[in-house]
């Protein structure tokens, strides 16, 4: 019997793009991915491997060997996309300080499972296989789709970006029959602060009075990071530029909420985005422990990654 396959500590996925794919998409083999799902997907990101671990002897040539000695410190493998594109972004979303690798290594050591093959965190749905070799389970293709570079998401965002800087006339109906005109600006602002981001946009799109009620940039960015931190593409878009943009952004968020969640019943979701949202959930668990450990760590770093 051979050794165990190595999986990404962050997403739980494999380090190979050579997957079992059924080009004929028969119903016989449940352990083959569907070709129609992955046909246009670029899977090269799975081939890229980096490691995070203590390297007290740096600088110098780094030599790594596969070993099974519980007394030695671990090196945690990951896809660069998962680490740089998602984990770092998650940990640093409220803090511009440099990521402390030593703290992160200690966190992963604390979270390491008994089998040394997976962190003891929830990897979301679908849960990545934990067998000795990666299983290409039909219907779980989402696990191997690029979670950062998502062409379908760009297509969803295009109607919003194309509306930016375009002049739009105010809706006359909302101008003449806007009940929010009766409220003072302070009260309108107070109302907005108690709504989720999608409802804020919908209300601003429907009411000229609410559209002209300003929210601080800091408040809005904080709400976006709190509610949809994994949809960072929209964080820097000026969605309050016009009611047209507000309406499109509101509709997008309603649509994205559904399309960013994996379903075993159908394929009515954006595979890359659903994978990103799943991985973000993993990163939030790591982040929580990281911030807790950060309180007790000196301002030093001896990590190589």
Foldseek 3Di string as FASTA:
>chain_A
DDFFAAAAQQQRHHLDPPAAADDVPDPPDQQHEYCVVCVPFDLNLSNAKDWKWFDQPDDDDDDDDDDDDPVDQDIGMHRPCLVVVALVCLLCVPPPDDDFRVLLSVLQVVQQDPVNRYGVDDLDPPGFDPDRDGTRGYLVCLSRGAQRDAVVVVVLCVVLVVCPPDDDDDDVVLVPPPPCVPPDLVVLQVVLLVDQLLVLLVVLLRHVSSLPNDDDLVSLLVSCCVPPVLPVVCSPPPQSRHSVSSVSVSVSVVQQVVQLDRDSVDNSHRSSNVSSVSSNSSSVVSSVSSVVSVVPDDPDHRMDD
